[in-house]
Amino acid sequence: MPSDGCVFCAIAEGLAPAQRVHEDEHTLAFMDLFPVAEGHTLIATRGHYENVFEAPEEALAAVGRASVPLARAVRDAFRPDGISVYQANGVAAGQTVFHYHMHLIPRHDGVPLRLHGREMASEGTLAGHAERIRKALAGARGGPREA
């Protein structure tokens, strides 16, 4: 664990396990340990910024750029009726990990909206979900995709 105790920094540094689906110079995307729905994915900045007020514009833009292909891959892999894109700043807003990140939450008609899951998913389940998203990302790179 990094000296600041941030679990997302530990994941970015390879010190804590996570089911990664994408990474680049500025961002890291991985499965939420407490998913609201199958395919619930987090996109975090590599650098540690507590919230939108601390993160530089370049880091926020990198998360935004990563969100588009990832949201499409989640949609292709899980076929939800919609996807919520959620980002919280501060306890009152529902932030529980104080490292800037965005949630991609698959949504299905008739299922009440929740921002955080109540049960930890098994490692095998998360590995399977990550693999589905990685395959969808790889397929998207192979040719033109529907918007």
Protein backbone atom coordinates (compact mmCIF):
# COMPACT_ATOMS: atom_id res chain seq x y z
CA MET A 1 0.00 0.00 0.00
CA PRO A 2 1.37 3.46 -0.87
CA SER A 3 2.33 5.72 2.03
CA ASP A 4 -0.86 7.75 1.52
CA GLY A 5 -2.96 4.58 2.09
CA CYS A 6 -4.96 5.09 -1.13
CA VAL A 7 -6.19 1.79 -2.53
CA PHE A 8 -6.48 3.20 -6.07
CA CYS A 9 -2.85 4.38 -5.92
CA ALA A 10 -1.93 0.87 -4.77
CA ILE A 11 -3.80 -0.59 -7.75
CA ALA A 12 -2.11 1.84 -10.15
CA GLU A 13 1.30 0.94 -8.72
CA GLY A 14 0.59 -2.81 -8.93
CA LEU A 15 0.62 -3.18 -5.13
CA ALA A 16 -3.05 -4.19 -4.85
CA PRO A 17 -4.95 -6.60 -7.09
CA ALA A 18 -7.63 -5.47 -9.51
CA GLN A 19 -9.29 -6.83 -12.62
CA ARG A 20 -7.92 -4.33 -15.13
CA VAL A 21 -9.68 -3.73 -18.42
CA HIS A 22 -7.69 -0.80 -19.83
CA GLU A 23 -4.73 1.36 -19.00
CA ASP A 24 -2.82 4.16 -20.60
CA GLU A 25 -0.32 6.81 -19.53
CA HIS A 26 -2.93 8.81 -17.56
CA THR A 27 -5.73 6.40 -16.59
CA LEU A 28 -6.49 2.94 -15.32
CA ALA A 29 -9.85 1.16 -15.71
CA PHE A 30 -10.81 -1.82 -13.59
CA MET A 31 -13.82 -3.67 -12.22
CA ASP A 32 -15.55 -2.31 -9.12
CA LEU A 33 -15.14 -4.78 -6.22
CA PHE A 34 -18.67 -3.94 -5.03
CA PRO A 35 -20.52 -3.71 -8.34
CA VAL A 36 -24.00 -2.31 -8.67
CA ALA A 37 -24.47 -4.38 -11.84
CA GLU A 38 -22.52 -6.79 -14.02
CA GLY A 39 -19.88 -4.79 -15.86
CA HIS A 40 -19.62 -1.94 -13.30
CA THR A 41 -16.30 -0.39 -14.27
CA LEU A 42 -14.18 2.35 -12.67
CA ILE A 43 -11.87 4.72 -14.54
CA ALA A 44 -9.28 6.32 -12.25
CA THR A 45 -6.51 8.81 -12.77
CA ARG A 46 -3.01 7.36 -12.39
CA GLY A 47 -1.96 10.37 -10.35
CA HIS A 48 -3.54 10.89 -6.94
CA TYR A 49 -6.13 13.67 -6.90
CA GLU A 50 -8.84 13.53 -4.28
CA ASN A 51 -11.63 15.01 -6.40
CA VAL A 52 -12.60 17.13 -9.39
CA PHE A 53 -11.45 20.26 -7.56
CA GLU A 54 -7.87 18.98 -7.19
CA ALA A 55 -7.39 17.16 -10.50
CA PRO A 56 -5.74 19.09 -13.33
CA GLU A 57 -7.72 19.54 -16.51
CA GLU A 58 -5.42 17.14 -18.38
CA ALA A 59 -6.22 14.31 -15.95
CA LEU A 60 -9.96 14.99 -16.15
CA ALA A 61 -9.79 15.07 -19.95
CA ALA A 62 -7.90 11.74 -19.98
CA VAL A 63 -10.65 10.10 -17.91
CA GLY A 64 -13.25 11.57 -20.27
CA ARG A 65 -11.40 10.27 -23.34
CA ALA A 66 -11.09 6.80 -21.83
CA SER A 67 -14.78 6.74 -20.90
CA VAL A 68 -16.06 6.69 -24.48
CA PRO A 69 -14.50 3.43 -25.74
CA LEU A 70 -14.96 1.85 -22.31
CA ALA A 71 -18.66 2.73 -22.15
CA ARG A 72 -19.10 1.29 -25.64
CA ALA A 73 -17.27 -1.88 -24.62
CA VAL A 74 -19.41 -2.26 -21.48
CA ARG A 75 -22.50 -1.76 -23.63
CA ASP A 76 -21.33 -4.33 -26.18
CA ALA A 77 -20.29 -6.86 -23.53
CA PHE A 78 -23.36 -6.66 -21.27
CA ARG A 79 -26.16 -5.25 -23.45
CA PRO A 80 -27.71 -3.04 -20.74
CA ASP A 81 -30.70 -0.80 -21.45
CA GLY A 82 -28.50 2.19 -20.54
CA ILE A 83 -25.30 3.18 -18.78
CA SER A 84 -24.98 5.64 -15.92
CA VAL A 85 -21.78 7.66 -15.91
CA TYR A 86 -21.22 8.82 -12.36
CA GLN A 87 -18.53 10.74 -10.53
CA ALA A 88 -18.80 11.87 -6.87
CA ASN A 89 -16.91 14.58 -5.00
CA GLY A 90 -17.05 14.51 -1.20
CA VAL A 91 -18.84 12.36 1.34
CA ALA A 92 -22.15 14.19 0.88
CA ALA A 93 -22.06 13.29 -2.84
CA GLY A 94 -21.40 9.61 -2.10
CA GLN A 95 -17.62 9.52 -2.61
CA THR A 96 -16.14 6.58 -0.70
CA VAL A 97 -12.65 6.35 -2.23
CA PHE A 98 -10.90 9.70 -2.20
CA HIS A 99 -9.04 9.33 -5.48
CA TYR A 100 -10.61 10.85 -8.60
CA HIS A 101 -12.53 8.23 -10.55
CA MET A 102 -15.61 7.77 -12.73
CA HIS A 103 -18.15 4.95 -12.58
CA LEU A 104 -19.62 3.28 -15.67
CA ILE A 105 -22.69 1.47 -14.37
CA PRO A 106 -24.79 -0.70 -16.71
CA ARG A 107 -28.48 -0.04 -16.11
CA HIS A 108 -31.49 -2.25 -16.77
CA ASP A 109 -35.13 -1.19 -17.00
CA GLY A 110 -37.01 -1.70 -13.75
CA VAL A 111 -33.91 -1.99 -11.53
CA PRO A 112 -33.73 0.81 -8.94
CA LEU A 113 -30.75 3.13 -9.17
CA ARG A 114 -27.98 2.50 -6.63
CA LEU A 115 -24.60 4.18 -6.65
CA HIS A 116 -22.69 1.56 -4.65
CA GLY A 117 -23.01 -2.20 -4.46
CA ARG A 118 -23.65 -3.92 -1.15
CA GLU A 119 -21.79 -7.19 -1.73
CA MET A 120 -18.25 -7.88 -2.87
CA ALA A 121 -18.14 -9.82 -6.12
CA SER A 122 -15.98 -12.94 -6.34
CA GLU A 123 -12.61 -12.73 -8.04
CA GLY A 124 -13.81 -15.22 -10.67
CA THR A 125 -16.89 -13.17 -11.46
CA LEU A 126 -14.87 -9.96 -11.80
CA ALA A 127 -12.27 -11.74 -13.96
CA GLY A 128 -15.03 -12.94 -16.28
CA HIS A 129 -16.56 -9.47 -16.53
CA ALA A 130 -13.14 -7.91 -17.21
CA GLU A 131 -12.47 -10.44 -19.96
CA ARG A 132 -15.79 -9.64 -21.65
CA ILE A 133 -14.96 -5.91 -21.64
CA ARG A 134 -11.41 -6.48 -22.91
CA LYS A 135 -12.78 -8.59 -25.78
CA ALA A 136 -15.30 -5.87 -26.64
CA LEU A 137 -12.51 -3.26 -26.59
CA ALA A 138 -10.37 -5.44 -28.86
CA GLY A 139 -13.30 -5.91 -31.24
CA ALA A 140 -13.87 -2.17 -31.38
CA ARG A 141 -10.28 -1.64 -32.54
CA GLY A 142 -10.85 -4.06 -35.41
CA GLY A 143 -13.15 -1.87 -37.48
CA PRO A 144 -15.85 0.80 -37.55
CA ARG A 145 -18.30 0.73 -34.66
CA GLU A 146 -21.84 1.94 -34.24
CA ALA A 147 -22.06 5.08 -32.12
